N, C-alpha and C. Protein backbone atom coordinates (compact mmCIF):
# COMPACT_ATOMS: atom_id res chain seq x y z
N MET A 1 191.30 85.24 66.84
CA MET A 1 191.81 84.51 66.41
C MET A 1 190.53 83.37 67.48
N GLN A 2 191.15 83.72 68.64
CA GLN A 2 190.44 82.81 70.31
C GLN A 2 189.23 82.25 69.26
N LYS A 3 188.71 83.90 69.25
CA LYS A 3 187.28 83.51 69.44
C LYS A 3 186.29 82.50 68.12
N THR A 4 187.09 81.95 66.73
CA THR A 4 186.71 81.60 66.42
C THR A 4 188.02 80.34 66.43
N PHE A 5 188.42 79.76 67.24
CA PHE A 5 188.71 78.61 67.15
C PHE A 5 187.62 77.86 68.93
N ILE A 6 186.82 78.48 69.35
CA ILE A 6 186.07 78.93 70.83
C ILE A 6 185.05 78.42 70.50
N LEU A 7 184.60 79.39 68.81
CA LEU A 7 182.99 79.11 67.74
C LEU A 7 182.84 77.75 67.35
N PHE A 8 184.26 77.15 66.51
CA PHE A 8 184.57 76.07 65.88
C PHE A 8 184.85 74.55 66.63
N LEU A 9 184.69 75.02 68.38
CA LEU A 9 185.05 73.80 69.12
C LEU A 9 183.80 73.54 69.36
N PHE A 10 182.61 74.65 69.60
CA PHE A 10 181.28 75.52 69.83
C PHE A 10 180.31 73.68 69.57
N ILE A 11 180.64 74.71 67.84
CA ILE A 11 180.07 73.75 66.58
C ILE A 11 180.39 71.99 66.25
N VAL A 12 181.74 71.46 66.97
CA VAL A 12 182.80 70.59 66.71
C VAL A 12 181.24 69.13 67.67
N SER A 13 181.36 70.02 68.44
CA SER A 13 180.57 69.08 70.09
C SER A 13 179.28 68.76 69.85
N ALA A 14 178.82 70.34 69.85
CA ALA A 14 177.69 69.98 69.22
C ALA A 14 177.00 69.43 68.09
N VAL A 15 177.56 69.20 67.85
CA VAL A 15 177.84 67.95 66.25
C VAL A 15 177.66 66.32 66.95
N THR A 16 178.61 65.88 67.69
CA THR A 16 178.96 65.04 68.14
C THR A 16 178.22 64.44 69.46
N VAL A 17 177.45 65.76 70.60
CA VAL A 17 176.15 65.37 70.63
C VAL A 17 174.93 65.29 70.71
N ARG A 18 174.86 64.86 69.07
CA ARG A 18 173.04 64.77 68.47
C ARG A 18 173.59 63.20 67.95
N SER A 19 174.53 62.86 68.31
CA SER A 19 174.91 61.46 66.80
C SER A 19 173.80 60.49 67.27
N GLN A 20 172.44 60.31 67.63
CA GLN A 20 171.27 59.42 68.51
C GLN A 20 170.41 59.56 67.01
N LYS A 21 170.84 59.96 65.57
CA LYS A 21 169.11 60.43 64.91
C LYS A 21 169.81 59.08 63.90
N VAL A 22 169.17 58.31 63.82
CA VAL A 22 170.02 57.08 62.81
C VAL A 22 168.30 57.00 61.63
N PHE A 23 169.42 56.40 60.56
CA PHE A 23 169.05 55.94 59.94
C PHE A 23 169.09 54.79 59.49
N SER A 24 167.57 53.74 58.98
CA SER A 24 167.61 52.73 58.58
C SER A 24 168.98 52.31 56.94
N VAL A 25 169.26 51.27 56.17
CA VAL A 25 169.55 51.79 54.95
C VAL A 25 169.15 51.12 53.80
N GLU A 26 169.13 50.46 52.71
CA GLU A 26 168.48 49.09 52.10
C GLU A 26 169.76 48.34 52.02
N TYR A 27 171.61 48.84 51.71
CA TYR A 27 171.79 48.63 51.22
C TYR A 27 173.56 48.60 52.11
N ALA A 28 174.55 47.45 52.74
CA ALA A 28 175.51 47.69 54.03
C ALA A 28 176.30 49.03 52.93
N HIS A 29 177.01 49.31 51.97
CA HIS A 29 177.32 49.85 51.13
C HIS A 29 176.89 51.70 51.81
N GLN A 30 175.63 52.11 52.04
CA GLN A 30 174.95 53.04 52.32
C GLN A 30 175.50 53.38 54.08
N ALA A 31 175.27 52.48 54.54
CA ALA A 31 175.75 52.49 55.73
C ALA A 31 176.58 53.14 56.73
N ASP A 32 177.50 54.42 57.42
CA ASP A 32 178.43 54.24 58.21
C ASP A 32 178.70 53.40 59.00
N VAL A 33 177.69 52.48 59.56
CA VAL A 33 177.79 51.37 61.13
C VAL A 33 176.46 49.89 60.41
N LYS A 34 177.41 49.70 60.05
CA LYS A 34 176.86 47.99 59.97
C LYS A 34 176.82 47.28 61.95
N VAL A 35 175.04 46.82 62.30
CA VAL A 35 174.53 46.84 63.14
C VAL A 35 173.90 45.27 63.18
N PHE A 36 174.28 44.83 64.45
CA PHE A 36 173.61 42.99 64.30
C PHE A 36 172.40 43.63 65.95
N VAL A 37 171.54 42.14 65.44
CA VAL A 37 170.68 42.99 67.38
C VAL A 37 170.70 41.88 67.67
N ALA A 38 171.40 41.53 69.05
CA ALA A 38 171.31 40.95 69.50
C ALA A 38 169.94 40.05 70.18
N ASP A 39 169.84 38.27 70.77
CA ASP A 39 169.50 38.39 71.27
C ASP A 39 168.90 38.35 72.71
N TYR A 40 170.71 38.51 73.52
CA TYR A 40 170.47 38.86 74.62
C TYR A 40 171.00 40.48 75.26
N GLU A 41 171.17 41.04 76.07
CA GLU A 41 171.67 42.23 76.91
C GLU A 41 172.95 42.25 77.19
N HIS A 42 173.78 40.09 77.76
CA HIS A 42 174.74 40.76 77.37
C HIS A 42 175.85 40.41 76.85
N GLN A 43 174.77 40.19 75.25
CA GLN A 43 175.28 39.85 74.28
C GLN A 43 175.68 41.00 73.11
N ALA A 44 175.22 42.15 73.84
CA ALA A 44 175.23 43.41 72.87
C ALA A 44 176.74 44.69 74.13
N ASP A 45 177.06 44.76 72.56
CA ASP A 45 178.37 46.17 72.57
C ASP A 45 177.34 47.53 73.57
N LEU A 46 175.99 48.08 72.71
CA LEU A 46 175.64 48.91 73.59
C LEU A 46 173.52 49.03 73.76
N SER A 47 173.19 48.95 74.49
CA SER A 47 171.70 48.63 74.64
C SER A 47 171.32 50.18 74.45
N VAL A 48 169.84 49.40 73.86
CA VAL A 48 169.33 50.80 72.08
C VAL A 48 168.20 50.69 73.42
N PHE A 49 167.55 51.69 73.72
CA PHE A 49 166.29 52.48 73.69
C PHE A 49 165.41 53.08 72.65
N LYS A 50 164.42 53.07 71.70
CA LYS A 50 163.85 53.51 71.01
C LYS A 50 163.21 54.81 71.44
N VAL A 51 163.51 55.73 71.08
CA VAL A 51 163.40 57.78 71.72
C VAL A 51 161.98 57.81 70.79
N ASP A 52 160.71 58.42 71.00
CA ASP A 52 159.64 59.18 70.26
C ASP A 52 159.93 60.15 69.43
N TYR A 53 160.73 60.96 70.14
CA TYR A 53 160.86 61.79 70.04
C TYR A 53 162.52 62.57 69.23
N GLY A 54 163.23 62.81 68.10
CA GLY A 54 164.77 63.75 68.29
C GLY A 54 165.34 64.38 69.13
N HIS A 55 164.52 65.01 70.27
CA HIS A 55 165.21 65.81 70.95
C HIS A 55 165.33 65.11 71.76
N GLN A 56 164.80 63.89 72.09
CA GLN A 56 165.14 63.15 72.63
C GLN A 56 166.34 61.84 72.76
N ALA A 57 166.99 62.14 71.62
CA ALA A 57 168.11 61.65 71.19
C ALA A 57 169.43 62.35 71.28
N ASP A 58 169.48 62.56 72.37
CA ASP A 58 170.78 63.84 72.63
C ASP A 58 171.76 62.47 73.73
N GLY A 59 173.42 62.48 73.01
CA GLY A 59 174.35 61.91 73.49
C GLY A 59 175.00 61.01 73.00
N ASN A 60 174.99 60.35 73.46
CA ASN A 60 175.88 59.21 73.20
C ASN A 60 175.62 57.58 73.79
N GLU A 61 174.78 57.69 74.39
CA GLU A 61 174.01 57.06 75.33
C GLU A 61 172.86 56.29 74.98
N GLY A 62 173.42 55.04 73.47
CA GLY A 62 172.20 54.46 73.15
C GLY A 62 171.05 54.84 72.83
N LYS A 63 170.64 56.38 73.16
CA LYS A 63 168.61 56.72 73.19
C LYS A 63 168.30 57.22 71.25
N TRP A 64 168.06 56.33 70.54
CA TRP A 64 168.35 56.46 69.67
C TRP A 64 166.96 56.61 68.72
N PHE A 65 166.45 57.92 67.47
CA PHE A 65 165.32 58.64 67.00
C PHE A 65 165.81 57.88 66.24
N PHE A 66 165.12 57.33 65.34
CA PHE A 66 164.78 56.61 64.40
C PHE A 66 164.02 57.76 62.81
N VAL A 67 164.75 57.86 61.63
CA VAL A 67 164.41 59.02 60.69
C VAL A 67 163.87 58.80 60.17
N GLU A 68 163.07 59.13 58.88
CA GLU A 68 162.83 59.42 57.91
C GLU A 68 163.19 58.81 56.82
N TYR A 69 164.30 60.22 56.74
CA TYR A 69 165.28 60.48 55.74
C TYR A 69 166.64 60.33 55.59
N ALA A 70 167.77 59.75 55.16
CA ALA A 70 168.90 59.52 55.51
C ALA A 70 169.17 61.01 55.54
N HIS A 71 169.08 61.98 55.13
CA HIS A 71 169.94 63.61 55.33
C HIS A 71 169.89 63.94 56.33
N GLN A 72 168.29 63.51 57.48
CA GLN A 72 168.06 64.31 58.57
C GLN A 72 168.84 63.34 60.08
N ALA A 73 169.83 61.87 59.33
CA ALA A 73 170.17 61.39 60.48
C ALA A 73 172.21 61.82 60.24
N ASP A 74 172.14 61.04 61.44
CA ASP A 74 173.55 61.70 62.42
C ASP A 74 174.37 60.50 61.31
N LYS A 75 174.01 59.47 61.66
CA LYS A 75 174.42 58.41 60.84
C LYS A 75 173.49 57.38 61.07
N LYS A 76 173.40 56.90 59.69
CA LYS A 76 173.01 55.69 58.83
C LYS A 76 173.76 54.22 58.94
N ILE A 77 172.82 53.65 59.07
CA ILE A 77 172.79 51.69 60.32
C ILE A 77 172.01 51.06 59.47
N TYR A 78 172.77 49.56 59.57
CA TYR A 78 172.50 48.90 58.39
C TYR A 78 172.40 47.39 59.31
N PHE A 79 171.71 46.98 58.74
CA PHE A 79 170.99 45.18 59.83
C PHE A 79 172.03 45.03 59.63
N VAL A 80 172.48 43.64 59.78
CA VAL A 80 173.11 42.57 58.99
C VAL A 80 172.71 41.80 60.20
N ASP A 81 172.75 40.13 58.97
CA ASP A 81 172.14 38.59 59.52
C ASP A 81 173.04 38.63 60.66
N TYR A 82 174.28 38.86 60.50
CA TYR A 82 175.29 37.14 61.41
C TYR A 82 176.08 38.60 62.24
N GLN A 83 176.48 38.35 63.53
CA GLN A 83 177.23 38.94 64.65
C GLN A 83 178.59 39.63 63.29
N HIS A 84 178.96 38.62 62.93
CA HIS A 84 181.14 39.21 62.17
C HIS A 84 180.54 39.75 61.47
N GLN A 85 179.54 39.90 61.24
CA GLN A 85 179.15 41.02 59.24
C GLN A 85 179.47 42.97 60.74
N ALA A 86 178.99 42.13 61.20
CA ALA A 86 178.86 43.65 62.23
C ALA A 86 179.74 44.88 62.57
N ASP A 87 179.70 46.17 63.22
CA ASP A 87 180.64 46.77 63.50
C ASP A 87 180.56 46.13 65.27
N ILE A 88 179.48 46.10 65.59
CA ILE A 88 178.49 46.53 66.66
C ILE A 88 177.39 45.61 66.11
N THR A 89 177.42 45.58 68.51
CA THR A 89 175.75 44.28 68.51
C THR A 89 175.12 45.72 69.54
N ILE A 90 173.79 45.30 68.98
CA ILE A 90 172.99 46.47 69.99
C ILE A 90 171.75 45.58 70.33
N TYR A 91 171.47 45.11 71.17
CA TYR A 91 170.32 45.01 72.09
C TYR A 91 169.11 46.30 72.21
N PHE A 92 167.26 45.54 71.89
CA PHE A 92 166.51 46.86 71.99
C PHE A 92 165.77 46.36 73.68
N VAL A 93 166.32 47.55 74.13
CA VAL A 93 165.79 46.80 76.05
C VAL A 93 164.34 48.40 76.13
N GLU A 94 163.53 47.02 76.94
CA GLU A 94 161.61 48.14 76.94
C GLU A 94 162.50 49.94 78.18
N HIS A 95 163.22 50.14 78.39
CA HIS A 95 162.96 51.43 79.29
C HIS A 95 164.45 52.18 79.24
N ARG A 96 164.06 53.30 78.92
CA ARG A 96 164.33 54.55 79.64
C ARG A 96 166.67 54.17 79.63
N HIS A 97 166.20 54.19 80.91
CA HIS A 97 167.01 53.82 82.08
C HIS A 97 168.31 53.29 81.93
N GLN A 98 167.85 51.48 81.17
CA GLN A 98 168.65 50.66 80.88
C GLN A 98 169.48 50.53 79.77
N SER A 99 169.41 51.62 78.98
CA SER A 99 170.54 52.24 77.62
C SER A 99 171.33 52.50 77.91
N GLY A 100 172.38 52.19 77.18
CA GLY A 100 173.49 52.80 77.61
C GLY A 100 174.93 51.43 76.91
N TRP A 101 176.25 51.74 76.98
CA TRP A 101 177.76 51.15 76.81
C TRP A 101 178.30 49.93 77.26
N ASN A 102 177.72 48.84 76.87
CA ASN A 102 178.48 47.75 77.87
C ASN A 102 180.16 47.75 77.22
N ASP A 103 180.76 47.98 75.91
CA ASP A 103 182.16 48.11 75.91
C ASP A 103 182.08 49.27 75.28
N LYS A 104 182.69 50.27 75.94
CA LYS A 104 182.94 51.55 75.67
C LYS A 104 183.86 51.69 74.37
N SER A 105 184.31 50.57 74.26
CA SER A 105 186.14 50.89 73.01
C SER A 105 184.28 50.33 71.83
N LYS A 106 183.84 51.24 71.45
CA LYS A 106 182.79 50.58 69.91
C LYS A 106 182.29 51.95 70.00
N LYS A 107 182.16 52.15 71.33
CA LYS A 107 181.63 54.49 70.87
C LYS A 107 181.78 54.95 70.53
N HIS A 108 183.24 54.74 69.69
CA HIS A 108 184.06 55.93 69.16
C HIS A 108 182.34 55.96 67.29
N LEU A 109 182.22 54.74 67.48
CA LEU A 109 181.82 54.51 65.68
C LEU A 109 180.57 55.10 65.86
N PHE A 110 180.06 56.26 66.55
CA PHE A 110 177.94 56.53 67.05
C PHE A 110 179.18 58.80 67.36
N TYR A 111 180.59 59.28 66.49
CA TYR A 111 180.92 60.33 67.17
C TYR A 111 180.22 60.43 65.71
């Protein structure tokens, strides 16, 4: 019984660690999270750096890898036109070390 529980915890933690592979959907109702892109970093809940490879999108610290197909994604996102429509506001940064959460209260959206 204890081994089963430990195995369950390992599987759950492995799934949550890799939750930064995203797919941009065409319609809002298809999305897990609605996203608005801010003009300035200080306006964002999350600073996002787009990585080149899926294995670089580890953890929940704003390193996103955009996958080609929805079934490959850990989260499906929809980009909205207005901030009040969004679950989260992001800003795309130029360098990997700039990525991260500015408002950790929204971090649960990507677990």
